[in-house]
Amino acid sequence: MSEPRLKKDRPPEQTPVPPVEPPTPDQPTTEIAPRLSTASPATRAWRRFRTNKLAMIGTSLVVLLVLFCFVGPLLWRTNQVTVNIDFTVINLPWGTPGHPLGTNDLGYDILGRLMKGGKTSLTIGLLAGILATFIGTCWGAIAGYVGGPVDAVMMRVVDAGIALPATFLLLILSAILRPSIPLMIVVIGLVSWLVPARLIRAEAISIKTRDYVLALRAVGGSHTRAVARHIIPNTVGTMIVNATFQVADAILLVAYISFLGMGVEPPATDWGAMLTNGIQYTYAGYWWLIFPAGLLIVLTVVAFNFIGDGLRDMFDVKGKQS
């Protein structure tokens, strides 16, 4: 008796799929894959900075303050050198014709004084912040790259400097030396480089173990080339962010020293000196001698801090897609 013939397995029947019609012009298409950004890294970084509202507010404030202090004196010309001996123009209130913000106890126009003092404060703050960032970057990059006993000695110097209050050192130097704008720039820069040095050192320790630095050393590249061509350029983000905070700190230090009577010598002035000159008239009701200068100091410091926060978000691209 023959065995029954086994039926061959047949594939399951499939329901025919109707053809997909192309979308009409009025019908939006559904994207299957996410759209890839073709913008350059600089464009994406600027986009991140631009979307930060506080950073844009800070940038706008700094631009307005720079125009006010450096361009304003060319449009609003006042005598800020010669003391006015006419007692009828001393301590004039705000809103006086010809003196929108009034005058001080020496007859100087407050609006023109704010421009002159702001020019001094911004100049010292910007240049001292840049100087502090430059010194701190070089010191921290060398300490982090070399390591070992050299790093230990260099960072103990930084720790000792941080332990000393900067305002105290500035007061001592201002009492010994004759205060001037170049001297204030150098002194504030020399007492403000300590924090940038620690930040850049931490970056250098991480960067020196990367492949391109090890490859440079393997082919005989010098330590100087490694620091100058790889360590420092790759810390530029940290440098720029920290520089904005250093500028804000330098402006505050100028205000501190000037408020304590150790600022630049007359007829030069700054916002801190204006506060010192007007503080004695506080109880007399002459608020216009103090309020404008104090307000500009606060706005300037806040603006640079906003910019620093925006730059930090711009350079910190971890987990961010634009």
C-alpha atoms as a PDB file:
ATOM      1  CA  MET A   1       0.000   0.000   0.000  1.00  0.00           C
ATOM      2  CA  SER A   2       1.572   3.274  -1.094  1.00  0.00           C
ATOM      3  CA  GLU A   3       2.109   6.133   1.383  1.00  0.00           C
ATOM      4  CA  PRO A   4      -0.110   9.161   0.866  1.00  0.00           C
ATOM      5  CA  ARG A   5       1.594  12.028  -0.923  1.00  0.00           C
ATOM      6  CA  LEU A   6       2.342  14.881   1.437  1.00  0.00           C
ATOM      7  CA  LYS A   7       1.063  18.246   0.433  1.00  0.00           C
ATOM      8  CA  LYS A   8       3.728  20.880  -0.057  1.00  0.00           C
ATOM      9  CA  ASP A   9       3.662  23.793   2.365  1.00  0.00           C
ATOM     10  CA  ARG A  10       2.192  26.827   0.760  1.00  0.00           C
ATOM     11  CA  PRO A  11       3.022  30.353   1.866  1.00  0.00           C
ATOM     12  CA  PRO A  12       0.189  32.171   3.588  1.00  0.00           C
ATOM     13  CA  GLU A  13      -1.883  34.242   1.309  1.00  0.00           C
ATOM     14  CA  GLN A  14      -1.136  37.962   1.594  1.00  0.00           C
ATOM     15  CA  THR A  15      -3.637  40.690   1.158  1.00  0.00           C
ATOM     16  CA  PRO A  16      -2.651  42.853  -1.764  1.00  0.00           C
ATOM     17  CA  VAL A  17      -1.508  46.338  -0.756  1.00  0.00           C
ATOM     18  CA  PRO A  18      -3.189  49.106  -2.684  1.00  0.00           C
ATOM     19  CA  PRO A  19      -0.816  51.405  -4.527  1.00  0.00           C
ATOM     20  CA  VAL A  20       0.142  54.602  -2.747  1.00  0.00           C
ATOM     21  CA  GLU A  21      -0.914  57.662  -4.635  1.00  0.00           C
ATOM     22  CA  PRO A  22       1.514  60.589  -4.728  1.00  0.00           C
ATOM     23  CA  PRO A  23       0.489  63.470  -2.465  1.00  0.00           C
ATOM     24  CA  THR A  24      -1.307  66.371  -4.004  1.00  0.00           C
ATOM     25  CA  PRO A  25       0.237  69.864  -3.826  1.00  0.00           C
ATOM     26  CA  ASP A  26      -2.219  70.859  -1.068  1.00  0.00           C
ATOM     27  CA  GLN A  27      -1.503  67.744   1.015  1.00  0.00           C
ATOM     28  CA  PRO A  28       1.563  68.006   3.305  1.00  0.00           C
ATOM     29  CA  THR A  29       4.056  65.154   3.127  1.00  0.00           C
ATOM     30  CA  THR A  30       5.073  63.213   6.226  1.00  0.00           C
ATOM     31  CA  GLU A  31       8.822  63.179   6.805  1.00  0.00           C
ATOM     32  CA  ILE A  32      10.089  59.674   7.570  1.00  0.00           C
ATOM     33  CA  ALA A  33      13.614  60.686   8.637  1.00  0.00           C
ATOM     34  CA  PRO A  34      14.470  63.778  10.701  1.00  0.00           C
ATOM     35  CA  ARG A  35      15.823  66.690   8.765  1.00  0.00           C
ATOM     36  CA  LEU A  36      19.565  66.979   9.228  1.00  0.00           C
ATOM     37  CA  SER A  37      20.972  70.412   9.902  1.00  0.00           C
ATOM     38  CA  THR A  38      23.473  71.584   7.301  1.00  0.00           C
ATOM     39  CA  ALA A  39      24.414  74.770   9.164  1.00  0.00           C
ATOM     40  CA  SER A  40      28.029  75.316  10.152  1.00  0.00           C
ATOM     41  CA  PRO A  41      29.096  74.967  13.809  1.00  0.00           C
ATOM     42  CA  ALA A  42      29.493  78.749  14.065  1.00  0.00           C
ATOM     43  CA  THR A  43      25.969  79.271  12.766  1.00  0.00           C
ATOM     44  CA  ARG A  44      24.522  76.748  15.219  1.00  0.00           C
ATOM     45  CA  ALA A  45      26.471  78.354  18.081  1.00  0.00           C
ATOM     46  CA  TRP A  46      25.183  81.806  17.175  1.00  0.00           C
ATOM     47  CA  ARG A  47      21.658  80.375  16.960  1.00  0.00           C
ATOM     48  CA  ARG A  48      21.965  79.031  20.506  1.00  0.00           C
ATOM     49  CA  PHE A  49      23.254  82.374  21.736  1.00  0.00           C
ATOM     50  CA  ARG A  50      20.558  84.312  19.885  1.00  0.00           C
ATOM     51  CA  THR A  51      17.758  82.230  21.396  1.00  0.00           C
ATOM     52  CA  ASN A  52      18.981  83.107  24.901  1.00  0.00           C
ATOM     53  CA  LYS A  53      16.906  86.200  25.686  1.00  0.00           C
ATOM     54  CA  LEU A  54      18.967  87.245  28.696  1.00  0.00           C
ATOM     55  CA  ALA A  55      22.183  87.032  26.673  1.00  0.00           C
ATOM     56  CA  MET A  56      20.706  89.238  23.956  1.00  0.00           C
ATOM     57  CA  ILE A  57      19.498  91.720  26.583  1.00  0.00           C
ATOM     58  CA  GLY A  58      22.987  91.796  28.083  1.00  0.00           C
ATOM     59  CA  THR A  59      24.579  92.318  24.674  1.00  0.00           C
ATOM     60  CA  SER A  60      22.205  95.163  23.889  1.00  0.00           C
ATOM     61  CA  LEU A  61      22.952  96.813  27.246  1.00  0.00           C
ATOM     62  CA  VAL A  62      26.708  96.578  26.713  1.00  0.00           C
ATOM     63  CA  VAL A  63      26.424  98.067  23.217  1.00  0.00           C
ATOM     64  CA  LEU A  64      24.315 100.939  24.549  1.00  0.00           C
ATOM     65  CA  LEU A  65      26.723 101.551  27.435  1.00  0.00           C
ATOM     66  CA  VAL A  66      29.735 101.589  25.107  1.00  0.00           C
ATOM     67  CA  LEU A  67      27.989 104.067  22.805  1.00  0.00           C
ATOM     68  CA  PHE A  68      26.948 106.177  25.802  1.00  0.00           C
ATOM     69  CA  CYS A  69      30.446 106.331  27.291  1.00  0.00           C
ATOM     70  CA  PHE A  70      32.618 106.570  24.183  1.00  0.00           C
ATOM     71  CA  VAL A  71      30.374 108.267  21.613  1.00  0.00           C
ATOM     72  CA  GLY A  72      28.242 110.299  24.012  1.00  0.00           C
ATOM     73  CA  PRO A  73      31.010 112.810  24.948  1.00  0.00           C
ATOM     74  CA  LEU A  74      31.361 113.687  21.272  1.00  0.00           C
ATOM     75  CA  LEU A  75      27.699 114.689  21.141  1.00  0.00           C
ATOM     76  CA  TRP A  76      27.193 116.036  24.679  1.00  0.00           C
ATOM     77  CA  ARG A  77      30.215 118.261  25.310  1.00  0.00           C
ATOM     78  CA  THR A  78      30.699 119.435  28.899  1.00  0.00           C
ATOM     79  CA  ASN A  79      33.566 120.760  30.977  1.00  0.00           C
ATOM     80  CA  GLN A  80      34.766 117.943  33.226  1.00  0.00           C
ATOM     81  CA  VAL A  81      38.210 119.378  34.038  1.00  0.00           C
ATOM     82  CA  THR A  82      37.891 122.922  35.366  1.00  0.00           C
ATOM     83  CA  VAL A  83      36.072 123.467  38.658  1.00  0.00           C
ATOM     84  CA  ASN A  84      33.162 125.871  38.277  1.00  0.00           C
ATOM     85  CA  ILE A  85      33.443 128.794  40.686  1.00  0.00           C
ATOM     86  CA  ASP A  86      29.886 129.950  39.982  1.00  0.00           C
ATOM     87  CA  PHE A  87      27.959 128.834  43.061  1.00  0.00           C
ATOM     88  CA  THR A  88      24.637 129.215  41.250  1.00  0.00           C
ATOM     89  CA  VAL A  89      25.310 126.061  39.190  1.00  0.00           C
ATOM     90  CA  ILE A  90      26.298 123.793  42.096  1.00  0.00           C
ATOM     91  CA  ASN A  91      24.047 120.856  43.053  1.00  0.00           C
ATOM     92  CA  LEU A  92      21.389 121.761  40.540  1.00  0.00           C
ATOM     93  CA  PRO A  93      18.507 119.247  40.536  1.00  0.00           C
ATOM     94  CA  TRP A  94      17.755 116.941  37.653  1.00  0.00           C
ATOM     95  CA  GLY A  95      15.638 118.390  34.877  1.00  0.00           C
ATOM     96  CA  THR A  96      17.427 121.754  34.954  1.00  0.00           C
ATOM     97  CA  PRO A  97      17.686 123.271  31.450  1.00  0.00           C
ATOM     98  CA  GLY A  98      21.108 122.423  30.071  1.00  0.00           C
ATOM     99  CA  HIS A  99      21.685 119.826  32.793  1.00  0.00           C
ATOM    100  CA  PRO A 100      19.189 116.940  32.391  1.00  0.00           C
ATOM    101  CA  LEU A 101      20.605 115.040  35.386  1.00  0.00           C
ATOM    102  CA  GLY A 102      21.678 118.094  37.373  1.00  0.00           C
ATOM    103  CA  THR A 103      25.147 119.036  38.601  1.00  0.00           C
ATOM    104  CA  ASN A 104      27.368 117.945  41.483  1.00  0.00           C
ATOM    105  CA  ASP A 105      29.024 119.898  44.299  1.00  0.00           C
ATOM    106  CA  LEU A 106      31.751 121.166  41.948  1.00  0.00           C
ATOM    107  CA  GLY A 107      29.389 122.264  39.226  1.00  0.00           C
ATOM    108  CA  TYR A 108      30.154 119.354  36.891  1.00  0.00           C
ATOM    109  CA  ASP A 109      27.284 118.193  34.690  1.00  0.00           C
ATOM    110  CA  ILE A 110      26.154 114.775  35.957  1.00  0.00           C
ATOM    111  CA  LEU A 111      25.305 113.423  32.498  1.00  0.00           C
ATOM    112  CA  GLY A 112      28.735 114.326  31.150  1.00  0.00           C
ATOM    113  CA  ARG A 113      30.306 113.011  34.361  1.00  0.00           C
ATOM    114  CA  LEU A 114      28.594 109.658  33.870  1.00  0.00           C
ATOM    115  CA  MET A 115      30.033 109.441  30.355  1.00  0.00           C
ATOM    116  CA  LYS A 116      33.536 110.322  31.517  1.00  0.00           C
ATOM    117  CA  GLY A 117      33.396 107.996  34.520  1.00  0.00           C
ATOM    118  CA  GLY A 118      31.889 105.187  32.464  1.00  0.00           C
ATOM    119  CA  LYS A 119      34.673 105.471  29.915  1.00  0.00           C
ATOM    120  CA  THR A 120      37.211 104.998  32.706  1.00  0.00           C
ATOM    121  CA  SER A 121      35.334 102.122  34.353  1.00  0.00           C
ATOM    122  CA  LEU A 122      34.731 100.237  31.098  1.00  0.00           C
ATOM    123  CA  THR A 123      38.309 100.755  29.893  1.00  0.00           C
ATOM    124  CA  ILE A 124      39.811  99.461  33.127  1.00  0.00           C
ATOM    125  CA  GLY A 125      37.292  96.616  33.362  1.00  0.00           C
ATOM    126  CA  LEU A 126      37.718  95.393  29.781  1.00  0.00           C
ATOM    127  CA  LEU A 127      41.512  95.603  29.650  1.00  0.00           C
ATOM    128  CA  ALA A 128      41.993  94.226  33.172  1.00  0.00           C
ATOM    129  CA  GLY A 129      39.640  91.325  32.406  1.00  0.00           C
ATOM    130  CA  ILE A 130      41.525  90.504  29.209  1.00  0.00           C
ATOM    131  CA  LEU A 131      44.881  90.726  31.004  1.00  0.00           C
ATOM    132  CA  ALA A 132      43.672  88.472  33.838  1.00  0.00           C
ATOM    133  CA  THR A 133      42.315  85.914  31.373  1.00  0.00           C
ATOM    134  CA  PHE A 134      45.568  85.906  29.364  1.00  0.00           C
ATOM    135  CA  ILE A 135      47.778  85.389  32.429  1.00  0.00           C
ATOM    136  CA  GLY A 136      45.478  82.776  33.908  1.00  0.00           C
ATOM    137  CA  THR A 137      45.243  80.872  30.616  1.00  0.00           C
ATOM    138  CA  CYS A 138      49.019  80.658  30.175  1.00  0.00           C
ATOM    139  CA  TRP A 139      49.606  79.718  33.812  1.00  0.00           C
ATOM    140  CA  GLY A 140      46.870  77.089  33.943  1.00  0.00           C
ATOM    141  CA  ALA A 141      47.750  75.553  30.558  1.00  0.00           C
ATOM    142  CA  ILE A 142      51.399  75.088  31.537  1.00  0.00           C
ATOM    143  CA  ALA A 143      50.552  73.711  34.980  1.00  0.00           C
ATOM    144  CA  GLY A 144      47.962  71.267  33.651  1.00  0.00           C
ATOM    145  CA  TYR A 145      50.079  70.058  30.735  1.00  0.00           C
ATOM    146  CA  VAL A 146      53.379  69.587  32.605  1.00  0.00           C
ATOM    147  CA  GLY A 147      51.866  68.146  35.784  1.00  0.00           C
ATOM    148  CA  GLY A 148      53.916  66.624  38.553  1.00  0.00           C
ATOM    149  CA  PRO A 149      55.934  68.817  40.923  1.00  0.00           C
ATOM    150  CA  VAL A 150      55.700  71.794  38.562  1.00  0.00           C
ATOM    151  CA  ASP A 151      51.908  71.637  38.668  1.00  0.00           C
ATOM    152  CA  ALA A 152      51.937  71.272  42.453  1.00  0.00           C
ATOM    153  CA  VAL A 153      54.148  74.331  42.968  1.00  0.00           C
ATOM    154  CA  MET A 154      52.267  76.494  40.465  1.00  0.00           C
ATOM    155  CA  MET A 155      48.875  75.646  41.922  1.00  0.00           C
ATOM    156  CA  ARG A 156      50.059  76.289  45.485  1.00  0.00           C
ATOM    157  CA  VAL A 157      50.899  79.794  44.315  1.00  0.00           C
ATOM    158  CA  VAL A 158      47.349  80.102  42.969  1.00  0.00           C
ATOM    159  CA  ASP A 159      45.844  78.807  46.211  1.00  0.00           C
ATOM    160  CA  ALA A 160      47.894  81.288  48.230  1.00  0.00           C
ATOM    161  CA  GLY A 161      46.781  84.142  45.999  1.00  0.00           C
ATOM    162  CA  ILE A 162      43.109  83.177  46.260  1.00  0.00           C
ATOM    163  CA  ALA A 163      43.391  83.118  50.050  1.00  0.00           C
ATOM    164  CA  LEU A 164      44.348  86.814  50.051  1.00  0.00           C
ATOM    165  CA  PRO A 165      41.439  89.259  49.506  1.00  0.00           C
ATOM    166  CA  ALA A 166      41.865  91.166  46.255  1.00  0.00           C
ATOM    167  CA  THR A 167      40.366  94.373  47.667  1.00  0.00           C
ATOM    168  CA  PHE A 168      42.932  94.382  50.481  1.00  0.00           C
ATOM    169  CA  LEU A 169      45.819  94.014  48.028  1.00  0.00           C
ATOM    170  CA  LEU A 170      44.421  96.755  45.808  1.00  0.00           C
ATOM    171  CA  LEU A 171      44.136  99.129  48.759  1.00  0.00           C
ATOM    172  CA  ILE A 172      47.764  98.501  49.751  1.00  0.00           C
ATOM    173  CA  LEU A 173      49.062  99.007  46.213  1.00  0.00           C
ATOM    174  CA  SER A 174      46.918 102.111  45.713  1.00  0.00           C
ATOM    175  CA  ALA A 175      48.306 103.585  48.934  1.00  0.00           C
ATOM    176  CA  ILE A 176      51.906 102.885  47.905  1.00  0.00           C
ATOM    177  CA  LEU A 177      51.699 103.828  44.229  1.00  0.00           C
ATOM    178  CA  ARG A 178      50.062 106.779  42.511  1.00  0.00           C
ATOM    179  CA  PRO A 179      46.731 105.573  41.089  1.00  0.00           C
ATOM    180  CA  SER A 180      46.284 105.944  37.342  1.00  0.00           C
ATOM    181  CA  ILE A 181      44.310 104.152  34.646  1.00  0.00           C
ATOM    182  CA  PRO A 182      47.268 102.045  33.340  1.00  0.00           C
ATOM    183  CA  LEU A 183      48.286 101.152  36.902  1.00  0.00           C
ATOM    184  CA  MET A 184      44.721 100.118  37.812  1.00  0.00           C
ATOM    185  CA  ILE A 185      44.563  97.899  34.726  1.00  0.00           C
ATOM    186  CA  VAL A 186      47.812  96.144  35.614  1.00  0.00           C
ATOM    187  CA  VAL A 187      47.056  95.798  39.328  1.00  0.00           C
ATOM    188  CA  ILE A 188      43.519  94.467  38.860  1.00  0.00           C
ATOM    189  CA  GLY A 189      44.728  92.105  36.133  1.00  0.00           C
ATOM    190  CA  LEU A 190      47.470  90.771  38.415  1.00  0.00           C
ATOM    191  CA  VAL A 191      45.048  89.994  41.256  1.00  0.00           C
ATOM    192  CA  SER A 192      42.279  88.542  39.067  1.00  0.00           C
ATOM    193  CA  TRP A 193      44.061  85.821  37.063  1.00  0.00           C
ATOM    194  CA  LEU A 194      43.852  83.148  39.763  1.00  0.00           C
ATOM    195  CA  VAL A 195      40.373  81.787  39.017  1.00  0.00           C
ATOM    196  CA  PRO A 196      40.992  81.528  35.225  1.00  0.00           C
ATOM    197  CA  ALA A 197      44.214  79.637  35.975  1.00  0.00           C
ATOM    198  CA  ARG A 198      42.338  76.921  37.886  1.00  0.00           C
ATOM    199  CA  LEU A 199      39.699  76.579  35.180  1.00  0.00           C
ATOM    200  CA  ILE A 200      42.212  76.320  32.328  1.00  0.00           C
ATOM    201  CA  ARG A 201      44.358  73.858  34.302  1.00  0.00           C
ATOM    202  CA  ALA A 202      41.388  71.495  34.596  1.00  0.00           C
ATOM    203  CA  GLU A 203      40.814  71.754  30.831  1.00  0.00           C
ATOM    204  CA  ALA A 204      44.516  71.169  30.083  1.00  0.00           C
ATOM    205  CA  ILE A 205      44.640  68.001  32.178  1.00  0.00           C
ATOM    206  CA  SER A 206      41.812  66.569  30.070  1.00  0.00           C
ATOM    207  CA  ILE A 207      43.148  67.740  26.704  1.00  0.00           C
ATOM    208  CA  LYS A 208      46.735  66.518  27.123  1.00  0.00           C
ATOM    209  CA  THR A 209      45.594  62.866  27.115  1.00  0.00           C
ATOM    210  CA  ARG A 210      43.806  63.097  23.764  1.00  0.00           C
ATOM    211  CA  ASP A 211      45.069  61.403  20.649  1.00  0.00           C
ATOM    212  CA  TYR A 212      46.203  64.459  18.705  1.00  0.00           C
ATOM    213  CA  VAL A 213      48.394  65.655  21.595  1.00  0.00           C
ATOM    214  CA  LEU A 214      49.884  62.175  22.057  1.00  0.00           C
ATOM    215  CA  ALA A 215      50.500  61.932  18.299  1.00  0.00           C
ATOM    216  CA  LEU A 216      52.323  65.265  18.347  1.00  0.00           C
ATOM    217  CA  ARG A 217      54.577  64.072  21.145  1.00  0.00           C
ATOM    218  CA  ALA A 218      55.152  60.748  19.371  1.00  0.00           C
ATOM    219  CA  VAL A 219      56.527  62.466  16.249  1.00  0.00           C
ATOM    220  CA  GLY A 220      58.870  64.621  18.307  1.00  0.00           C
ATOM    221  CA  GLY A 221      56.782  67.783  18.793  1.00  0.00           C
ATOM    222  CA  SER A 222      57.933  70.094  21.551  1.00  0.00           C
ATOM    223  CA  HIS A 223      56.033  70.851  24.727  1.00  0.00           C
ATOM    224  CA  THR A 224      55.783  74.491  23.698  1.00  0.00           C
ATOM    225  CA  ARG A 225      54.119  73.519  20.416  1.00  0.00           C
ATOM    226  CA  ALA A 226      51.709  71.204  22.230  1.00  0.00           C
ATOM    227  CA  VAL A 227      50.645  73.952  24.625  1.00  0.00           C
ATOM    228  CA  ALA A 228      50.473  76.720  22.022  1.00  0.00           C
ATOM    229  CA  ARG A 229      48.852  74.741  19.179  1.00  0.00           C
ATOM    230  CA  HIS A 230      46.596  72.298  21.003  1.00  0.00           C
ATOM    231  CA  ILE A 231      46.084  73.005  24.710  1.00  0.00           C
ATOM    232  CA  ILE A 232      45.329  76.747  24.607  1.00  0.00           C
ATOM    233  CA  PRO A 233      43.268  76.784  21.349  1.00  0.00           C
ATOM    234  CA  ASN A 234      41.034  74.008  22.668  1.00  0.00           C
ATOM    235  CA  THR A 235      40.244  76.003  25.814  1.00  0.00           C
ATOM    236  CA  VAL A 236      39.035  79.059  23.895  1.00  0.00           C
ATOM    237  CA  GLY A 237      35.423  78.466  24.935  1.00  0.00           C
ATOM    238  CA  THR A 238      36.304  78.480  28.623  1.00  0.00           C
ATOM    239  CA  MET A 239      38.547  81.506  28.064  1.00  0.00           C
ATOM    240  CA  ILE A 240      35.850  83.609  26.409  1.00  0.00           C
ATOM    241  CA  VAL A 241      33.175  82.716  28.946  1.00  0.00           C
ATOM    242  CA  ASN A 242      35.471  83.441  31.876  1.00  0.00           C
ATOM    243  CA  ALA A 243      36.651  86.719  30.321  1.00  0.00           C
ATOM    244  CA  THR A 244      33.126  88.154  30.499  1.00  0.00           C
ATOM    245  CA  PHE A 245      32.888  87.356  34.199  1.00  0.00           C
ATOM    246  CA  GLN A 246      36.377  88.790  34.740  1.00  0.00           C
ATOM    247  CA  VAL A 247      35.303  92.067  33.134  1.00  0.00           C
ATOM    248  CA  ALA A 248      32.287  92.284  35.446  1.00  0.00           C
ATOM    249  CA  ASP A 249      34.467  91.537  38.494  1.00  0.00           C
ATOM    250  CA  ALA A 250      37.041  94.122  37.403  1.00  0.00           C
ATOM    251  CA  ILE A 251      34.374  96.834  37.092  1.00  0.00           C
ATOM    252  CA  LEU A 252      33.180  96.002  40.604  1.00  0.00           C
ATOM    253  CA  LEU A 253      36.764  96.144  41.932  1.00  0.00           C
ATOM    254  CA  VAL A 254      37.225  99.575  40.360  1.00  0.00           C
ATOM    255  CA  ALA A 255      34.026 100.731  42.053  1.00  0.00           C
ATOM    256  CA  TYR A 256      35.161  99.282  45.409  1.00  0.00           C
ATOM    257  CA  ILE A 257      38.562 100.971  45.329  1.00  0.00           C
ATOM    258  CA  SER A 258      37.198 104.292  44.111  1.00  0.00           C
ATOM    259  CA  PHE A 259      34.421 104.234  46.680  1.00  0.00           C
ATOM    260  CA  LEU A 260      37.076 103.830  49.388  1.00  0.00           C
ATOM    261  CA  GLY A 261      38.951 106.859  48.018  1.00  0.00           C
ATOM    262  CA  MET A 262      41.832 104.998  46.349  1.00  0.00           C
ATOM    263  CA  GLY A 263      40.718 105.303  42.718  1.00  0.00           C
ATOM    264  CA  VAL A 264      42.084 107.354  39.866  1.00  0.00           C
ATOM    265  CA  GLU A 265      43.096 110.888  40.718  1.00  0.00           C
ATOM    266  CA  PRO A 266      40.995 113.908  39.685  1.00  0.00           C
ATOM    267  CA  PRO A 267      40.110 115.299  37.230  1.00  0.00           C
ATOM    268  CA  ALA A 268      39.742 111.690  36.063  1.00  0.00           C
ATOM    269  CA  THR A 269      36.806 109.874  37.592  1.00  0.00           C
ATOM    270  CA  ASP A 270      34.796 106.676  37.445  1.00  0.00           C
ATOM    271  CA  TRP A 271      31.412 105.519  38.660  1.00  0.00           C
ATOM    272  CA  GLY A 272      32.766 104.443  42.039  1.00  0.00           C
ATOM    273  CA  ALA A 273      34.331 107.862  42.619  1.00  0.00           C
ATOM    274  CA  MET A 274      31.006 109.495  41.744  1.00  0.00           C
ATOM    275  CA  LEU A 275      29.371 107.429  44.477  1.00  0.00           C
ATOM    276  CA  THR A 276      32.019 108.563  46.960  1.00  0.00           C
ATOM    277  CA  ASN A 277      31.578 112.220  46.075  1.00  0.00           C
ATOM    278  CA  GLY A 278      27.790 112.034  46.336  1.00  0.00           C
ATOM    279  CA  ILE A 279      27.459 109.893  49.456  1.00  0.00           C
ATOM    280  CA  GLN A 280      27.959 112.917  51.747  1.00  0.00           C
ATOM    281  CA  TYR A 281      24.891 114.577  50.257  1.00  0.00           C
ATOM    282  CA  THR A 282      22.604 111.573  50.700  1.00  0.00           C
ATOM    283  CA  TYR A 283      20.689 112.996  53.659  1.00  0.00           C
ATOM    284  CA  ALA A 284      20.377 116.373  51.914  1.00  0.00           C
ATOM    285  CA  GLY A 285      18.122 114.787  49.283  1.00  0.00           C
ATOM    286  CA  TYR A 286      20.544 115.046  46.362  1.00  0.00           C
ATOM    287  CA  TRP A 287      19.778 111.561  45.106  1.00  0.00           C
ATOM    288  CA  TRP A 288      20.854 112.385  41.532  1.00  0.00           C
ATOM    289  CA  LEU A 289      24.470 112.441  42.731  1.00  0.00           C
ATOM    290  CA  ILE A 290      24.334 108.717  43.615  1.00  0.00           C
ATOM    291  CA  PHE A 291      21.486 106.939  41.895  1.00  0.00           C
ATOM    292  CA  PRO A 292      22.612 107.273  38.209  1.00  0.00           C
ATOM    293  CA  ALA A 293      26.156 106.038  38.865  1.00  0.00           C
ATOM    294  CA  GLY A 294      24.971 103.152  41.054  1.00  0.00           C
ATOM    295  CA  LEU A 295      22.369 102.155  38.487  1.00  0.00           C
ATOM    296  CA  LEU A 296      24.952 102.076  35.666  1.00  0.00           C
ATOM    297  CA  ILE A 297      27.312  99.927  37.763  1.00  0.00           C
ATOM    298  CA  VAL A 298      24.532  97.418  38.417  1.00  0.00           C
ATOM    299  CA  LEU A 299      23.398  97.358  34.775  1.00  0.00           C
ATOM    300  CA  THR A 300      26.951  96.872  33.488  1.00  0.00           C
ATOM    301  CA  VAL A 301      27.766  94.010  35.843  1.00  0.00           C
ATOM    302  CA  VAL A 302      24.429  92.287  35.209  1.00  0.00           C
ATOM    303  CA  ALA A 303      24.826  92.705  31.438  1.00  0.00           C
ATOM    304  CA  PHE A 304      28.253  91.061  31.373  1.00  0.00           C
ATOM    305  CA  ASN A 305      26.996  88.227  33.555  1.00  0.00           C
ATOM    306  CA  PHE A 306      24.084  87.665  31.166  1.00  0.00           C
ATOM    307  CA  ILE A 307      26.528  87.549  28.251  1.00  0.00           C
ATOM    308  CA  GLY A 308      28.733  85.101  30.137  1.00  0.00           C
ATOM    309  CA  ASP A 309      25.785  82.777  30.786  1.00  0.00           C
ATOM    310  CA  GLY A 310      24.815  82.935  27.115  1.00  0.00           C
ATOM    311  CA  LEU A 311      28.351  82.190  25.950  1.00  0.00           C
ATOM    312  CA  ARG A 312      28.562  79.264  28.354  1.00  0.00           C
ATOM    313  CA  ASP A 313      25.398  77.775  26.857  1.00  0.00           C
ATOM    314  CA  MET A 314      26.704  78.496  23.361  1.00  0.00           C
ATOM    315  CA  PHE A 315      29.973  76.620  23.836  1.00  0.00           C
ATOM    316  CA  ASP A 316      28.464  73.813  25.931  1.00  0.00           C
ATOM    317  CA  VAL A 317      26.993  71.668  23.157  1.00  0.00           C
ATOM    318  CA  LYS A 318      26.621  68.439  25.138  1.00  0.00           C
ATOM    319  CA  GLY A 319      23.223  67.026  24.496  1.00  0.00           C
ATOM    320  CA  LYS A 320      22.086  70.008  22.449  1.00  0.00           C
ATOM    321  CA  GLN A 321      20.874  69.816  18.887  1.00  0.00           C
ATOM    322  CA  SER A 322      20.048  72.861  16.805  1.00  0.00           C
END
